[in-house]
Amino acid sequence: MPEAQLLLKRLEQQKSIDIFGPDASDKALATARLFGEERGKMFGVLKCRTTKNQVEYLYAFSGQYAGRWQVNGWCPPLFDVDCFYALNDPIEKEIKAIGANLAEQNDPIKQRTLHQKRKTLSQHLMKEIHQLYQVHNFHRDSTSLESVFHEFSGGMPTGTGDCCAPKLLNQAAIKQLTPISLVEFYFGRENRSETRKHGYCYPPCTDKCAPILGYMLCGASV
């Protein structure tokens, strides 16, 4: 898709993902971080057709960028960001406090108790966060991430619903766009397993994306 090639070039030239605003000056959104210890990230482009038979493009990056879920011009996550922070921040603060307590604790019994408490809190938080996700399809239906994933054994991997393809298709469904083609490419330093290299295109992942894309594409006349 030519638009994906254009996006790749634009990211390389401007060295920032802050490319859709009038003044790309937010240093936190520079792409230099993707070539360091943080390593690279997937980016995606979805070509769509509007109800007026015009072409529209949507853009997404996987997960967060510099700790942000929302960046101007890029698709939002599958949940309300304000609700996420209201849920996440207090519990995350408590988890960090337990970690600090652990670092100062020498009693093995108390250490095990704190480890278990932190693990339980983390598991509870992840379950609550998953319940925030709303997965949309082209029948104009929506459901929770858990209800889509429940038929698959092994549980939901961390980061399910945060990849480019779900973000792009979710936004297209919400905006009543018809998806035409989707391209994802990797930008930055290769990942630790060396399965992703800068500038190369890759399909949506099988462990996190495949189980939910079937539901998301229901009703899409592709």
Protein backbone atom coordinates (compact mmCIF):
# COMPACT_ATOMS: atom_id res chain seq x y z
CA MET A 1 0.00 0.00 0.00
CA PRO A 2 1.58 3.32 -1.07
CA GLU A 3 0.18 5.12 1.99
CA ALA A 4 2.12 2.77 4.29
CA GLN A 5 5.33 3.55 2.41
CA LEU A 6 4.57 7.25 2.73
CA LEU A 7 4.01 6.89 6.48
CA LEU A 8 7.31 5.03 6.89
CA LYS A 9 9.17 7.76 4.98
CA ARG A 10 7.45 10.49 6.95
CA LEU A 11 8.42 8.92 10.27
CA GLU A 12 12.01 8.55 9.07
CA GLN A 13 12.21 12.12 7.81
CA GLN A 14 10.48 13.90 10.67
CA LYS A 15 11.93 11.59 13.37
CA SER A 16 8.71 11.90 15.34
CA ILE A 17 5.22 10.40 15.43
CA ASP A 18 3.85 13.90 16.08
CA ILE A 19 3.23 14.32 12.35
CA PHE A 20 -0.45 15.17 12.08
CA GLY A 21 -0.54 18.45 13.97
CA PRO A 22 0.44 21.87 12.64
CA ASP A 23 3.57 21.99 14.82
CA ALA A 24 5.39 18.71 15.44
CA SER A 25 7.29 19.95 18.48
CA ASP A 26 6.57 17.38 21.21
CA LYS A 27 10.02 15.95 21.96
CA ALA A 28 8.52 13.03 23.93
CA LEU A 29 7.13 11.72 20.64
CA ALA A 30 10.51 11.53 18.89
CA THR A 31 11.30 8.21 17.21
CA ALA A 32 14.87 8.10 18.57
CA ARG A 33 13.57 6.09 21.54
CA LEU A 34 12.62 3.27 19.14
CA PHE A 35 16.25 2.76 18.16
CA GLY A 36 17.54 2.47 21.73
CA GLU A 37 16.94 0.08 24.61
CA GLU A 38 13.18 0.49 24.24
CA ARG A 39 13.46 -1.02 20.75
CA GLY A 40 10.99 -0.69 17.91
CA LYS A 41 7.24 -0.74 17.53
CA MET A 42 4.61 -1.79 14.99
CA PHE A 43 2.75 0.86 13.01
CA GLY A 44 -0.29 0.28 10.84
CA VAL A 45 -2.34 1.90 8.08
CA LEU A 46 -5.91 0.96 7.18
CA LYS A 47 -7.35 2.08 3.86
CA CYS A 48 -11.11 2.56 4.11
CA ARG A 49 -14.10 3.65 2.07
CA THR A 50 -16.56 6.12 3.56
CA THR A 51 -20.34 6.01 3.19
CA LYS A 52 -19.87 8.66 0.47
CA ASN A 53 -17.54 6.30 -1.43
CA GLN A 54 -14.44 8.35 -0.63
CA VAL A 55 -11.10 6.95 0.53
CA GLU A 56 -10.01 7.56 4.11
CA TYR A 57 -6.88 6.35 5.89
CA LEU A 58 -6.52 5.45 9.55
CA TYR A 59 -3.21 5.17 11.40
CA ALA A 60 -2.20 3.31 14.55
CA PHE A 61 0.81 2.37 16.66
CA SER A 62 0.91 -0.65 18.94
CA GLY A 63 0.43 -0.19 22.68
CA GLN A 64 1.44 3.11 24.23
CA TYR A 65 3.94 5.65 22.96
CA ALA A 66 6.10 7.32 25.59
CA GLY A 67 3.51 6.31 28.17
CA ARG A 68 0.63 7.80 26.16
CA TRP A 69 -2.41 5.98 24.86
CA GLN A 70 -3.60 8.92 22.76
CA VAL A 71 -1.60 10.94 20.24
CA ASN A 72 -3.15 13.38 17.78
CA GLY A 73 -3.95 11.74 14.42
CA TRP A 74 -3.51 8.16 15.64
CA CYS A 75 -6.29 5.70 16.51
CA PRO A 76 -7.19 5.57 20.20
CA PRO A 77 -7.17 2.37 22.28
CA LEU A 78 -10.25 0.17 22.69
CA PHE A 79 -11.14 1.73 26.04
CA ASP A 80 -11.89 5.08 27.63
CA VAL A 81 -8.50 6.47 28.65
CA ASP A 82 -9.86 8.47 31.61
CA CYS A 83 -11.48 5.33 33.00
CA PHE A 84 -8.21 3.46 32.52
CA TYR A 85 -6.19 5.94 34.57
CA ALA A 86 -8.86 6.18 37.26
CA LEU A 87 -8.67 2.41 37.65
CA ASN A 88 -4.96 1.84 37.06
CA ASP A 89 -3.19 4.63 38.93
CA PRO A 90 -4.32 3.93 42.54
CA ILE A 91 -3.67 0.19 42.27
CA GLU A 92 -0.37 0.70 40.45
CA LYS A 93 0.71 3.02 43.25
CA GLU A 94 -0.14 0.32 45.79
CA ILE A 95 1.78 -2.30 43.81
CA LYS A 96 4.87 -0.07 43.72
CA ALA A 97 4.60 0.53 47.46
CA ILE A 98 4.60 -3.24 48.05
CA GLY A 99 7.68 -3.51 45.83
CA ALA A 100 9.47 -0.87 47.89
CA ASN A 101 8.49 -2.70 51.07
CA LEU A 102 9.83 -5.95 49.62
CA ALA A 103 13.20 -4.38 48.90
CA GLU A 104 13.57 -3.53 52.59
CA GLN A 105 12.18 -6.80 53.94
CA ASN A 106 14.48 -9.59 55.19
CA ASP A 107 11.91 -11.89 56.77
CA PRO A 108 11.25 -14.78 54.29
CA ILE A 109 7.69 -15.29 55.53
CA LYS A 110 6.83 -11.61 55.13
CA GLN A 111 8.53 -11.60 51.73
CA ARG A 112 6.32 -14.46 50.52
CA THR A 113 3.24 -12.70 51.87
CA LEU A 114 4.14 -9.48 50.07
CA HIS A 115 4.96 -11.33 46.84
CA GLN A 116 1.57 -13.02 46.92
CA LYS A 117 -0.23 -9.77 47.71
CA ARG A 118 1.49 -8.01 44.81
CA LYS A 119 0.71 -10.89 42.45
CA THR A 120 -2.96 -10.94 43.48
CA LEU A 121 -3.25 -7.17 43.03
CA SER A 122 -1.63 -7.33 39.59
CA GLN A 123 -3.92 -10.13 38.43
CA HIS A 124 -6.99 -8.31 39.71
CA LEU A 125 -5.89 -5.09 38.01
CA MET A 126 -5.35 -6.84 34.69
CA LYS A 127 -8.80 -8.43 34.85
CA GLU A 128 -10.40 -5.07 35.63
CA ILE A 129 -8.50 -3.38 32.80
CA HIS A 130 -9.62 -6.06 30.31
CA GLN A 131 -13.22 -5.29 31.26
CA LEU A 132 -12.74 -1.70 30.08
CA TYR A 133 -12.11 -2.80 26.49
CA GLN A 134 -15.03 -2.55 24.07
CA VAL A 135 -14.60 -4.46 20.81
CA HIS A 136 -16.70 -3.16 17.90
CA ASN A 137 -17.59 -4.81 14.60
CA PHE A 138 -19.22 -3.75 11.34
CA HIS A 139 -22.66 -4.97 12.36
CA ARG A 140 -22.49 -2.00 14.76
CA ASP A 141 -22.32 -4.43 17.68
CA SER A 142 -19.84 -4.25 20.54
CA THR A 143 -18.83 -6.54 23.36
CA SER A 144 -16.12 -6.97 25.97
CA LEU A 145 -12.69 -8.27 25.11
CA GLU A 146 -13.16 -11.18 27.50
CA SER A 147 -16.37 -12.31 25.81
CA VAL A 148 -14.61 -12.44 22.43
CA PHE A 149 -11.61 -14.29 23.83
CA HIS A 150 -13.40 -16.77 26.09
CA GLU A 151 -13.53 -19.54 23.48
CA PHE A 152 -9.74 -19.71 23.29
CA SER A 153 -7.78 -21.67 25.87
CA GLY A 154 -4.72 -20.39 27.69
CA GLY A 155 -6.09 -17.01 28.70
CA MET A 156 -5.47 -13.61 27.19
CA PRO A 157 -1.83 -12.66 26.59
CA THR A 158 -0.66 -9.32 27.97
CA GLY A 159 -1.32 -6.57 25.43
CA THR A 160 -4.32 -8.22 23.78
CA GLY A 161 -6.33 -5.56 21.96
CA ASP A 162 -3.44 -3.08 21.91
CA CYS A 163 -1.94 -4.04 18.53
CA CYS A 164 -2.38 -1.97 15.38
CA ALA A 165 -4.98 -4.14 13.63
CA PRO A 166 -7.54 -4.11 16.49
CA LYS A 167 -7.11 -0.36 16.97
CA LEU A 168 -7.58 0.31 13.27
CA LEU A 169 -10.58 -1.97 12.76
CA ASN A 170 -12.24 -0.79 15.96
CA GLN A 171 -12.01 2.83 14.86
CA ALA A 172 -13.21 1.99 11.35
CA ALA A 173 -16.26 0.21 12.77
CA ILE A 174 -17.05 3.12 15.09
CA LYS A 175 -16.79 5.59 12.18
CA GLN A 176 -18.84 3.28 9.89
CA LEU A 177 -16.01 2.97 7.38
CA THR A 178 -15.53 -0.05 5.12
CA PRO A 179 -12.02 -1.54 5.42
CA ILE A 180 -10.25 -2.12 2.11
CA SER A 181 -6.67 -3.05 2.98
CA LEU A 182 -4.40 -3.07 6.02
CA VAL A 183 -0.61 -2.92 6.26
CA GLU A 184 1.56 -3.12 9.37
CA PHE A 185 5.30 -2.43 9.46
CA TYR A 186 7.97 -2.43 12.14
CA PHE A 187 9.83 0.79 12.91
CA GLY A 188 13.00 0.94 14.99
CA ARG A 189 15.65 -1.33 16.44
CA GLU A 190 14.93 -5.03 15.91
CA ASN A 191 13.19 -6.82 18.75
CA ARG A 192 15.11 -9.04 21.16
CA SER A 193 14.02 -12.24 19.44
CA GLU A 194 15.15 -10.76 16.10
CA THR A 195 11.80 -11.54 14.46
CA ARG A 196 11.04 -7.90 13.62
CA LYS A 197 13.28 -5.64 11.54
CA HIS A 198 13.02 -1.95 10.68
CA GLY A 199 10.93 -1.17 7.61
CA TYR A 200 9.62 -4.72 7.11
CA CYS A 201 5.91 -5.53 6.93
CA TYR A 202 4.35 -8.23 9.11
CA PRO A 203 0.84 -9.72 9.46
CA PRO A 204 -1.25 -9.29 12.64
CA CYS A 205 0.02 -11.56 15.42
CA THR A 206 -1.58 -14.97 15.93
CA ASP A 207 -1.67 -15.06 19.74
CA LYS A 208 -3.25 -11.67 20.52
CA CYS A 209 -4.95 -10.52 17.31
CA ALA A 210 -6.21 -13.62 15.51
CA PRO A 211 -8.70 -14.62 18.25
CA ILE A 212 -10.49 -11.25 18.12
CA LEU A 213 -10.22 -10.18 14.47
CA GLY A 214 -12.94 -12.62 13.39
CA TYR A 215 -15.49 -10.87 15.59
CA MET A 216 -14.22 -7.43 14.59
CA LEU A 217 -14.64 -8.15 10.88
CA CYS A 218 -18.23 -9.38 11.22
CA GLY A 219 -20.37 -7.30 8.88
CA ALA A 220 -17.45 -5.92 6.90
CA SER A 221 -18.06 -6.12 3.15
CA VAL A 222 -14.43 -6.58 2.20
